[in-house]
Amino acid sequence: QFHPEVTHTTEGKNLLRNFVLHICECSQDWTPDQFIESTIAG
């Protein structure tokens, strides 16, 4: 019932990291080089 995305939530980034990386098990593959390579190919 609070907003982790705003800077006033001091550890909000940690909470979102827990959800996105650990609970959802996302690999961190959204990088500038990956975007450039896939965009130019597309």
ModelCIF file with pLDDT and N, C-alpha, C, O atoms, coordinates in Angstrom:
data_MODEL
#
_entry.id   MODEL 
#
_entity.id                         1 
_entity.type                       polymer 
_entity.pdbx_number_of_molecules   1 
#
_entity_poly.entity_id                      1 
_entity_poly.type                           'polypeptide(L)' 
_entity_poly.nstd_linkage                   no 
_entity_poly.nstd_monomer                   no 
_entity_poly.pdbx_seq_one_letter_code       QFHPEVTHTTEGKNLLRNFVLHICECSQDWTPDQFIESTIAG 
_entity_poly.pdbx_seq_one_letter_code_can   QFHPEVTHTTEGKNLLRNFVLHICECSQDWTPDQFIESTIAG 
_entity_poly.pdbx_strand_id                 A 
#
loop_
_entity_poly_seq.entity_id 
_entity_poly_seq.num 
_entity_poly_seq.mon_id 
_entity_poly_seq.hetero 
1 1  GLN n 
1 2  PHE n 
1 3  HIS n 
1 4  PRO n 
1 5  GLU n 
1 6  VAL n 
1 7  THR n 
1 8  HIS n 
1 9  THR n 
1 10 THR n 
1 11 GLU n 
1 12 GLY n 
1 13 LYS n 
1 14 ASN n 
1 15 LEU n 
1 16 LEU n 
1 17 ARG n 
1 18 ASN n 
1 19 PHE n 
1 20 VAL n 
1 21 LEU n 
1 22 HIS n 
1 23 ILE n 
1 24 CYS n 
1 25 GLU n 
1 26 CYS n 
1 27 SER n 
1 28 GLN n 
1 29 ASP n 
1 30 TRP n 
1 31 THR n 
1 32 PRO n 
1 33 ASP n 
1 34 GLN n 
1 35 PHE n 
1 36 ILE n 
1 37 GLU n 
1 38 SER n 
1 39 THR n 
1 40 ILE n 
1 41 ALA n 
1 42 GLY n 
#
_struct_asym.id          A 
_struct_asym.entity_id   1 
#
loop_
_ma_qa_metric.id 
_ma_qa_metric.mode 
_ma_qa_metric.name 
_ma_qa_metric.software_group_id 
_ma_qa_metric.type 
1 global pLDDT . pLDDT 
2 local  pLDDT . pLDDT 
#
_ma_qa_metric_global.metric_id      1 
_ma_qa_metric_global.metric_value   94.24 
_ma_qa_metric_global.model_id       1 
_ma_qa_metric_global.ordinal_id     1 
#
loop_
_ma_qa_metric_local.label_asym_id 
_ma_qa_metric_local.label_comp_id 
_ma_qa_metric_local.label_seq_id 
_ma_qa_metric_local.metric_id 
_ma_qa_metric_local.metric_value 
_ma_qa_metric_local.model_id 
_ma_qa_metric_local.ordinal_id 
A GLN 1  2 93.00 1 1  
A PHE 2  2 94.00 1 2  
A HIS 3  2 94.00 1 3  
A PRO 4  2 95.00 1 4  
A GLU 5  2 92.00 1 5  
A VAL 6  2 88.00 1 6  
A THR 7  2 85.00 1 7  
A HIS 8  2 88.00 1 8  
A THR 9  2 92.00 1 9  
A THR 10 2 93.00 1 10 
A GLU 11 2 95.00 1 11 
A GLY 12 2 95.00 1 12 
A LYS 13 2 95.00 1 13 
A ASN 14 2 96.00 1 14 
A LEU 15 2 97.00 1 15 
A LEU 16 2 97.00 1 16 
A ARG 17 2 97.00 1 17 
A ASN 18 2 98.00 1 18 
A PHE 19 2 98.00 1 19 
A VAL 20 2 98.00 1 20 
A LEU 21 2 97.00 1 21 
A HIS 22 2 97.00 1 22 
A ILE 23 2 97.00 1 23 
A CYS 24 2 97.00 1 24 
A GLU 25 2 96.00 1 25 
A CYS 26 2 96.00 1 26 
A SER 27 2 93.00 1 27 
A GLN 28 2 93.00 1 28 
A ASP 29 2 90.00 1 29 
A TRP 30 2 92.00 1 30 
A THR 31 2 92.00 1 31 
A PRO 32 2 93.00 1 32 
A ASP 33 2 92.00 1 33 
A GLN 34 2 92.00 1 34 
A PHE 35 2 94.00 1 35 
A ILE 36 2 96.00 1 36 
A GLU 37 2 95.00 1 37 
A SER 38 2 93.00 1 38 
A THR 39 2 95.00 1 39 
A ILE 40 2 97.00 1 40 
A ALA 41 2 96.00 1 41 
A GLY 42 2 95.00 1 42 
#
loop_
_atom_site.group_PDB 
_atom_site.id 
_atom_site.type_symbol 
_atom_site.label_atom_id 
_atom_site.label_alt_id 
_atom_site.label_comp_id 
_atom_site.label_asym_id 
_atom_site.label_entity_id 
_atom_site.label_seq_id 
_atom_site.pdbx_PDB_ins_code 
_atom_site.Cartn_x 
_atom_site.Cartn_y 
_atom_site.Cartn_z 
_atom_site.occupancy 
_atom_site.B_iso_or_equiv 
_atom_site.pdbx_formal_charge 
_atom_site.auth_seq_id 
_atom_site.auth_comp_id 
_atom_site.auth_asym_id 
_atom_site.auth_atom_id 
_atom_site.pdbx_PDB_model_num 
ATOM 1   N N  . GLN A 1 1  ? 0.823  -1.214  0.000   1.00 93.00 ? 1  GLN A N  1 
ATOM 2   C CA . GLN A 1 1  ? 0.000  0.000   0.000   1.00 93.00 ? 1  GLN A CA 1 
ATOM 3   C C  . GLN A 1 1  ? 0.856  1.263   0.000   1.00 93.00 ? 1  GLN A C  1 
ATOM 4   O O  . GLN A 1 1  ? 0.391  2.331   0.399   1.00 93.00 ? 1  GLN A O  1 
ATOM 5   N N  . PHE A 1 2  ? 2.088  1.146   -0.439  1.00 94.00 ? 2  PHE A N  1 
ATOM 6   C CA . PHE A 1 2  ? 2.959  2.309   -0.591  1.00 94.00 ? 2  PHE A CA 1 
ATOM 7   C C  . PHE A 1 2  ? 3.590  2.245   -1.979  1.00 94.00 ? 2  PHE A C  1 
ATOM 8   O O  . PHE A 1 2  ? 3.444  1.253   -2.694  1.00 94.00 ? 2  PHE A O  1 
ATOM 9   N N  . HIS A 1 3  ? 4.288  3.306   -2.348  1.00 94.00 ? 3  HIS A N  1 
ATOM 10  C CA . HIS A 1 3  ? 4.846  3.422   -3.699  1.00 94.00 ? 3  HIS A CA 1 
ATOM 11  C C  . HIS A 1 3  ? 6.360  3.207   -3.666  1.00 94.00 ? 3  HIS A C  1 
ATOM 12  O O  . HIS A 1 3  ? 7.090  4.090   -3.215  1.00 94.00 ? 3  HIS A O  1 
ATOM 13  N N  . PRO A 1 4  ? 6.849  2.057   -4.133  1.00 95.00 ? 4  PRO A N  1 
ATOM 14  C CA . PRO A 1 4  ? 8.296  1.805   -4.113  1.00 95.00 ? 4  PRO A CA 1 
ATOM 15  C C  . PRO A 1 4  ? 9.050  2.566   -5.197  1.00 95.00 ? 4  PRO A C  1 
ATOM 16  O O  . PRO A 1 4  ? 10.274 2.687   -5.138  1.00 95.00 ? 4  PRO A O  1 
ATOM 17  N N  . GLU A 1 5  ? 8.316  3.081   -6.192  1.00 92.00 ? 5  GLU A N  1 
ATOM 18  C CA . GLU A 1 5  ? 8.965  3.697   -7.350  1.00 92.00 ? 5  GLU A CA 1 
ATOM 19  C C  . GLU A 1 5  ? 9.427  5.129   -7.101  1.00 92.00 ? 5  GLU A C  1 
ATOM 20  O O  . GLU A 1 5  ? 10.250 5.647   -7.856  1.00 92.00 ? 5  GLU A O  1 
ATOM 21  N N  . VAL A 1 6  ? 8.903  5.789   -6.039  1.00 88.00 ? 6  VAL A N  1 
ATOM 22  C CA . VAL A 1 6  ? 9.264  7.186   -5.792  1.00 88.00 ? 6  VAL A CA 1 
ATOM 23  C C  . VAL A 1 6  ? 10.481 7.251   -4.878  1.00 88.00 ? 6  VAL A C  1 
ATOM 24  O O  . VAL A 1 6  ? 10.733 6.339   -4.090  1.00 88.00 ? 6  VAL A O  1 
ATOM 25  N N  . THR A 1 7  ? 11.225 8.336   -4.995  1.00 85.00 ? 7  THR A N  1 
ATOM 26  C CA . THR A 1 7  ? 12.461 8.451   -4.218  1.00 85.00 ? 7  THR A CA 1 
ATOM 27  C C  . THR A 1 7  ? 12.186 8.571   -2.724  1.00 85.00 ? 7  THR A C  1 
ATOM 28  O O  . THR A 1 7  ? 13.059 8.261   -1.913  1.00 85.00 ? 7  THR A O  1 
ATOM 29  N N  . HIS A 1 8  ? 10.981 9.017   -2.342  1.00 88.00 ? 8  HIS A N  1 
ATOM 30  C CA . HIS A 1 8  ? 10.645 9.138   -0.919  1.00 88.00 ? 8  HIS A CA 1 
ATOM 31  C C  . HIS A 1 8  ? 10.601 7.776   -0.224  1.00 88.00 ? 8  HIS A C  1 
ATOM 32  O O  . HIS A 1 8  ? 10.774 7.702   0.992   1.00 88.00 ? 8  HIS A O  1 
ATOM 33  N N  . THR A 1 9  ? 10.372 6.695   -0.980  1.00 92.00 ? 9  THR A N  1 
ATOM 34  C CA . THR A 1 9  ? 10.491 5.348   -0.416  1.00 92.00 ? 9  THR A CA 1 
ATOM 35  C C  . THR A 1 9  ? 11.958 4.965   -0.538  1.00 92.00 ? 9  THR A C  1 
ATOM 36  O O  . THR A 1 9  ? 12.424 4.577   -1.609  1.00 92.00 ? 9  THR A O  1 
ATOM 37  N N  . THR A 1 10 ? 12.675 5.078   0.569   1.00 93.00 ? 10 THR A N  1 
ATOM 38  C CA . THR A 1 10 ? 14.141 5.066   0.498   1.00 93.00 ? 10 THR A CA 1 
ATOM 39  C C  . THR A 1 10 ? 14.720 3.735   0.018   1.00 93.00 ? 10 THR A C  1 
ATOM 40  O O  . THR A 1 10 ? 15.797 3.714   -0.579  1.00 93.00 ? 10 THR A O  1 
ATOM 41  N N  . GLU A 1 11 ? 14.023 2.625   0.269   1.00 95.00 ? 11 GLU A N  1 
ATOM 42  C CA . GLU A 1 11 ? 14.519 1.327   -0.184  1.00 95.00 ? 11 GLU A CA 1 
ATOM 43  C C  . GLU A 1 11 ? 13.594 0.705   -1.223  1.00 95.00 ? 11 GLU A C  1 
ATOM 44  O O  . GLU A 1 11 ? 13.532 -0.515  -1.377  1.00 95.00 ? 11 GLU A O  1 
ATOM 45  N N  . GLY A 1 12 ? 12.875 1.580   -1.935  1.00 95.00 ? 12 GLY A N  1 
ATOM 46  C CA . GLY A 1 12 ? 11.945 1.107   -2.953  1.00 95.00 ? 12 GLY A CA 1 
ATOM 47  C C  . GLY A 1 12 ? 12.624 0.357   -4.080  1.00 95.00 ? 12 GLY A C  1 
ATOM 48  O O  . GLY A 1 12 ? 12.082 -0.624  -4.591  1.00 95.00 ? 12 GLY A O  1 
ATOM 49  N N  . LYS A 1 13 ? 13.823 0.816   -4.479  1.00 95.00 ? 13 LYS A N  1 
ATOM 50  C CA . LYS A 1 13 ? 14.546 0.124   -5.552  1.00 95.00 ? 13 LYS A CA 1 
ATOM 51  C C  . LYS A 1 13 ? 14.895 -1.301  -5.134  1.00 95.00 ? 13 LYS A C  1 
ATOM 52  O O  . LYS A 1 13 ? 14.853 -2.225  -5.946  1.00 95.00 ? 13 LYS A O  1 
ATOM 53  N N  . ASN A 1 14 ? 15.241 -1.468  -3.858  1.00 96.00 ? 14 ASN A N  1 
ATOM 54  C CA . ASN A 1 14 ? 15.570 -2.815  -3.371  1.00 96.00 ? 14 ASN A CA 1 
ATOM 55  C C  . ASN A 1 14 ? 14.350 -3.727  -3.448  1.00 96.00 ? 14 ASN A C  1 
ATOM 56  O O  . ASN A 1 14 ? 14.464 -4.891  -3.831  1.00 96.00 ? 14 ASN A O  1 
ATOM 57  N N  . LEU A 1 15 ? 13.179 -3.195  -3.084  1.00 97.00 ? 15 LEU A N  1 
ATOM 58  C CA . LEU A 1 15 ? 11.960 -3.998  -3.138  1.00 97.00 ? 15 LEU A CA 1 
ATOM 59  C C  . LEU A 1 15 ? 11.648 -4.407  -4.578  1.00 97.00 ? 15 LEU A C  1 
ATOM 60  O O  . LEU A 1 15 ? 11.329 -5.567  -4.840  1.00 97.00 ? 15 LEU A O  1 
ATOM 61  N N  . LEU A 1 16 ? 11.738 -3.462  -5.506  1.00 97.00 ? 16 LEU A N  1 
ATOM 62  C CA . LEU A 1 16 ? 11.477 -3.786  -6.909  1.00 97.00 ? 16 LEU A CA 1 
ATOM 63  C C  . LEU A 1 16 ? 12.521 -4.764  -7.448  1.00 97.00 ? 16 LEU A C  1 
ATOM 64  O O  . LEU A 1 16 ? 12.201 -5.636  -8.257  1.00 97.00 ? 16 LEU A O  1 
ATOM 65  N N  . ARG A 1 17 ? 13.766 -4.618  -7.000  1.00 97.00 ? 17 ARG A N  1 
ATOM 66  C CA . ARG A 1 17 ? 14.801 -5.569  -7.408  1.00 97.00 ? 17 ARG A CA 1 
ATOM 67  C C  . ARG A 1 17 ? 14.453 -6.971  -6.923  1.00 97.00 ? 17 ARG A C  1 
ATOM 68  O O  . ARG A 1 17 ? 14.602 -7.944  -7.663  1.00 97.00 ? 17 ARG A O  1 
ATOM 69  N N  . ASN A 1 18 ? 13.987 -7.072  -5.670  1.00 98.00 ? 18 ASN A N  1 
ATOM 70  C CA . ASN A 1 18 ? 13.592 -8.379  -5.140  1.00 98.00 ? 18 ASN A CA 1 
ATOM 71  C C  . ASN A 1 18 ? 12.493 -9.009  -5.988  1.00 98.00 ? 18 ASN A C  1 
ATOM 72  O O  . ASN A 1 18 ? 12.523 -10.204 -6.282  1.00 98.00 ? 18 ASN A O  1 
ATOM 73  N N  . PHE A 1 19 ? 11.513 -8.176  -6.378  1.00 98.00 ? 19 PHE A N  1 
ATOM 74  C CA . PHE A 1 19 ? 10.395 -8.714  -7.161  1.00 98.00 ? 19 PHE A CA 1 
ATOM 75  C C  . PHE A 1 19 ? 10.843 -9.103  -8.564  1.00 98.00 ? 19 PHE A C  1 
ATOM 76  O O  . PHE A 1 19 ? 10.559 -10.206 -9.031  1.00 98.00 ? 19 PHE A O  1 
ATOM 77  N N  . VAL A 1 20 ? 11.541 -8.195  -9.228  1.00 98.00 ? 20 VAL A N  1 
ATOM 78  C CA . VAL A 1 20 ? 11.858 -8.398  -10.651 1.00 98.00 ? 20 VAL A CA 1 
ATOM 79  C C  . VAL A 1 20 ? 12.946 -9.458  -10.849 1.00 98.00 ? 20 VAL A C  1 
ATOM 80  O O  . VAL A 1 20 ? 12.814 -10.331 -11.707 1.00 98.00 ? 20 VAL A O  1 
ATOM 81  N N  . LEU A 1 21 ? 14.012 -9.381  -10.062 1.00 97.00 ? 21 LEU A N  1 
ATOM 82  C CA . LEU A 1 21 ? 15.150 -10.270 -10.288 1.00 97.00 ? 21 LEU A CA 1 
ATOM 83  C C  . LEU A 1 21 ? 15.028 -11.602 -9.556  1.00 97.00 ? 21 LEU A C  1 
ATOM 84  O O  . LEU A 1 21 ? 15.405 -12.643 -10.095 1.00 97.00 ? 21 LEU A O  1 
ATOM 85  N N  . HIS A 1 22 ? 14.509 -11.579 -8.341  1.00 97.00 ? 22 HIS A N  1 
ATOM 86  C CA . HIS A 1 22 ? 14.492 -12.803 -7.545  1.00 97.00 ? 22 HIS A CA 1 
ATOM 87  C C  . HIS A 1 22 ? 13.175 -13.566 -7.646  1.00 97.00 ? 22 HIS A C  1 
ATOM 88  O O  . HIS A 1 22 ? 13.171 -14.785 -7.816  1.00 97.00 ? 22 HIS A O  1 
ATOM 89  N N  . ILE A 1 23 ? 12.063 -12.848 -7.543  1.00 97.00 ? 23 ILE A N  1 
ATOM 90  C CA . ILE A 1 23 ? 10.766 -13.530 -7.608  1.00 97.00 ? 23 ILE A CA 1 
ATOM 91  C C  . ILE A 1 23 ? 10.395 -13.855 -9.055  1.00 97.00 ? 23 ILE A C  1 
ATOM 92  O O  . ILE A 1 23 ? 9.974  -14.973 -9.352  1.00 97.00 ? 23 ILE A O  1 
ATOM 93  N N  . CYS A 1 24 ? 10.549 -12.886 -9.950  1.00 97.00 ? 24 CYS A N  1 
ATOM 94  C CA . CYS A 1 24 ? 10.233 -13.125 -11.375 1.00 97.00 ? 24 CYS A CA 1 
ATOM 95  C C  . CYS A 1 24 ? 11.388 -13.797 -12.122 1.00 97.00 ? 24 CYS A C  1 
ATOM 96  O O  . CYS A 1 24 ? 11.205 -14.321 -13.222 1.00 97.00 ? 24 CYS A O  1 
ATOM 97  N N  . GLU A 1 25 ? 12.577 -13.777 -11.515 1.00 96.00 ? 25 GLU A N  1 
ATOM 98  C CA . GLU A 1 25 ? 13.773 -14.407 -12.094 1.00 96.00 ? 25 GLU A CA 1 
ATOM 99  C C  . GLU A 1 25 ? 14.091 -13.888 -13.494 1.00 96.00 ? 25 GLU A C  1 
ATOM 100 O O  . GLU A 1 25 ? 14.396 -14.653 -14.408 1.00 96.00 ? 25 GLU A O  1 
ATOM 101 N N  . CYS A 1 26 ? 14.013 -12.567 -13.633 1.00 96.00 ? 26 CYS A N  1 
ATOM 102 C CA . CYS A 1 26 ? 14.362 -11.954 -14.922 1.00 96.00 ? 26 CYS A CA 1 
ATOM 103 C C  . CYS A 1 26 ? 15.881 -11.901 -15.078 1.00 96.00 ? 26 CYS A C  1 
ATOM 104 O O  . CYS A 1 26 ? 16.604 -11.590 -14.131 1.00 96.00 ? 26 CYS A O  1 
ATOM 105 N N  . SER A 1 27 ? 16.345 -12.204 -16.263 1.00 93.00 ? 27 SER A N  1 
ATOM 106 C CA . SER A 1 27 ? 17.757 -11.984 -16.568 1.00 93.00 ? 27 SER A CA 1 
ATOM 107 C C  . SER A 1 27 ? 17.902 -10.545 -17.043 1.00 93.00 ? 27 SER A C  1 
ATOM 108 O O  . SER A 1 27 ? 17.022 -10.013 -17.720 1.00 93.00 ? 27 SER A O  1 
ATOM 109 N N  . GLN A 1 28 ? 19.005 -9.930  -16.689 1.00 93.00 ? 28 GLN A N  1 
ATOM 110 C CA . GLN A 1 28 ? 19.185 -8.497  -16.970 1.00 93.00 ? 28 GLN A CA 1 
ATOM 111 C C  . GLN A 1 28 ? 19.770 -8.303  -18.368 1.00 93.00 ? 28 GLN A C  1 
ATOM 112 O O  . GLN A 1 28 ? 20.940 -7.959  -18.532 1.00 93.00 ? 28 GLN A O  1 
ATOM 113 N N  . ASP A 1 29 ? 18.914 -8.534  -19.375 1.00 90.00 ? 29 ASP A N  1 
ATOM 114 C CA . ASP A 1 29 ? 19.389 -8.514  -20.758 1.00 90.00 ? 29 ASP A CA 1 
ATOM 115 C C  . ASP A 1 29 ? 18.936 -7.279  -21.537 1.00 90.00 ? 29 ASP A C  1 
ATOM 116 O O  . ASP A 1 29 ? 19.092 -7.226  -22.757 1.00 90.00 ? 29 ASP A O  1 
ATOM 117 N N  . TRP A 1 30 ? 18.375 -6.280  -20.837 1.00 92.00 ? 30 TRP A N  1 
ATOM 118 C CA . TRP A 1 30 ? 17.950 -5.036  -21.495 1.00 92.00 ? 30 TRP A CA 1 
ATOM 119 C C  . TRP A 1 30 ? 19.092 -4.037  -21.368 1.00 92.00 ? 30 TRP A C  1 
ATOM 120 O O  . TRP A 1 30 ? 19.134 -3.261  -20.413 1.00 92.00 ? 30 TRP A O  1 
ATOM 121 N N  . THR A 1 31 ? 20.022 -4.050  -22.330 1.00 92.00 ? 31 THR A N  1 
ATOM 122 C CA . THR A 1 31 ? 21.208 -3.202  -22.288 1.00 92.00 ? 31 THR A CA 1 
ATOM 123 C C  . THR A 1 31 ? 21.288 -2.358  -23.554 1.00 92.00 ? 31 THR A C  1 
ATOM 124 O O  . THR A 1 31 ? 20.681 -2.711  -24.565 1.00 92.00 ? 31 THR A O  1 
ATOM 125 N N  . PRO A 1 32 ? 22.025 -1.254  -23.518 1.00 93.00 ? 32 PRO A N  1 
ATOM 126 C CA . PRO A 1 32 ? 22.160 -0.422  -24.723 1.00 93.00 ? 32 PRO A CA 1 
ATOM 127 C C  . PRO A 1 32 ? 22.682 -1.200  -25.925 1.00 93.00 ? 32 PRO A C  1 
ATOM 128 O O  . PRO A 1 32 ? 22.145 -1.078  -27.026 1.00 93.00 ? 32 PRO A O  1 
ATOM 129 N N  . ASP A 1 33 ? 23.720 -1.994  -25.720 1.00 92.00 ? 33 ASP A N  1 
ATOM 130 C CA . ASP A 1 33 ? 24.300 -2.739  -26.846 1.00 92.00 ? 33 ASP A CA 1 
ATOM 131 C C  . ASP A 1 33 ? 23.301 -3.745  -27.411 1.00 92.00 ? 33 ASP A C  1 
ATOM 132 O O  . ASP A 1 33 ? 23.208 -3.920  -28.626 1.00 92.00 ? 33 ASP A O  1 
ATOM 133 N N  . GLN A 1 34 ? 22.551 -4.408  -26.522 1.00 92.00 ? 34 GLN A N  1 
ATOM 134 C CA . GLN A 1 34 ? 21.539 -5.358  -26.988 1.00 92.00 ? 34 GLN A CA 1 
ATOM 135 C C  . GLN A 1 34 ? 20.464 -4.642  -27.781 1.00 92.00 ? 34 GLN A C  1 
ATOM 136 O O  . GLN A 1 34 ? 20.023 -5.133  -28.820 1.00 92.00 ? 34 GLN A O  1 
ATOM 137 N N  . PHE A 1 35 ? 20.034 -3.465  -27.288 1.00 94.00 ? 35 PHE A N  1 
ATOM 138 C CA . PHE A 1 35 ? 19.002 -2.705  -27.998 1.00 94.00 ? 35 PHE A CA 1 
ATOM 139 C C  . PHE A 1 35 ? 19.494 -2.288  -29.376 1.00 94.00 ? 35 PHE A C  1 
ATOM 140 O O  . PHE A 1 35 ? 18.782 -2.445  -30.368 1.00 94.00 ? 35 PHE A O  1 
ATOM 141 N N  . ILE A 1 36 ? 20.701 -1.760  -29.440 1.00 96.00 ? 36 ILE A N  1 
ATOM 142 C CA . ILE A 1 36 ? 21.250 -1.296  -30.718 1.00 96.00 ? 36 ILE A CA 1 
ATOM 143 C C  . ILE A 1 36 ? 21.342 -2.445  -31.720 1.00 96.00 ? 36 ILE A C  1 
ATOM 144 O O  . ILE A 1 36 ? 20.920 -2.317  -32.869 1.00 96.00 ? 36 ILE A O  1 
ATOM 145 N N  . GLU A 1 37 ? 21.892 -3.553  -31.272 1.00 95.00 ? 37 GLU A N  1 
ATOM 146 C CA . GLU A 1 37 ? 22.064 -4.698  -32.162 1.00 95.00 ? 37 GLU A CA 1 
ATOM 147 C C  . GLU A 1 37 ? 20.725 -5.214  -32.691 1.00 95.00 ? 37 GLU A C  1 
ATOM 148 O O  . GLU A 1 37 ? 20.568 -5.434  -33.892 1.00 95.00 ? 37 GLU A O  1 
ATOM 149 N N  . SER A 1 38 ? 19.765 -5.406  -31.787 1.00 93.00 ? 38 SER A N  1 
ATOM 150 C CA . SER A 1 38 ? 18.476 -5.962  -32.218 1.00 93.00 ? 38 SER A CA 1 
ATOM 151 C C  . SER A 1 38 ? 17.681 -4.955  -33.046 1.00 93.00 ? 38 SER A C  1 
ATOM 152 O O  . SER A 1 38 ? 16.972 -5.341  -33.975 1.00 93.00 ? 38 SER A O  1 
ATOM 153 N N  . THR A 1 39 ? 17.795 -3.662  -32.715 1.00 95.00 ? 39 THR A N  1 
ATOM 154 C CA . THR A 1 39 ? 17.062 -2.639  -33.461 1.00 95.00 ? 39 THR A CA 1 
ATOM 155 C C  . THR A 1 39 ? 17.584 -2.516  -34.887 1.00 95.00 ? 39 THR A C  1 
ATOM 156 O O  . THR A 1 39 ? 16.797 -2.467  -35.832 1.00 95.00 ? 39 THR A O  1 
ATOM 157 N N  . ILE A 1 40 ? 18.885 -2.466  -35.047 1.00 97.00 ? 40 ILE A N  1 
ATOM 158 C CA . ILE A 1 40 ? 19.461 -2.358  -36.391 1.00 97.00 ? 40 ILE A CA 1 
ATOM 159 C C  . ILE A 1 40 ? 19.110 -3.594  -37.222 1.00 97.00 ? 40 ILE A C  1 
ATOM 160 O O  . ILE A 1 40 ? 18.780 -3.481  -38.402 1.00 97.00 ? 40 ILE A O  1 
ATOM 161 N N  . ALA A 1 41 ? 19.184 -4.770  -36.602 1.00 96.00 ? 41 ALA A N  1 
ATOM 162 C CA . ALA A 1 41 ? 18.818 -5.994  -37.325 1.00 96.00 ? 41 ALA A CA 1 
ATOM 163 C C  . ALA A 1 41 ? 17.345 -5.957  -37.737 1.00 96.00 ? 41 ALA A C  1 
ATOM 164 O O  . ALA A 1 41 ? 16.999 -6.352  -38.850 1.00 96.00 ? 41 ALA A O  1 
ATOM 165 N N  . GLY A 1 42 ? 16.480 -5.481  -36.839 1.00 95.00 ? 42 GLY A N  1 
ATOM 166 C CA . GLY A 1 42 ? 15.055 -5.375  -37.156 1.00 95.00 ? 42 GLY A CA 1 
ATOM 167 C C  . GLY A 1 42 ? 14.788 -4.365  -38.255 1.00 95.00 ? 42 GLY A C  1 
ATOM 168 O O  . GLY A 1 42 ? 13.637 -4.159  -38.638 1.00 95.00 ? 42 GLY A O  1 
#
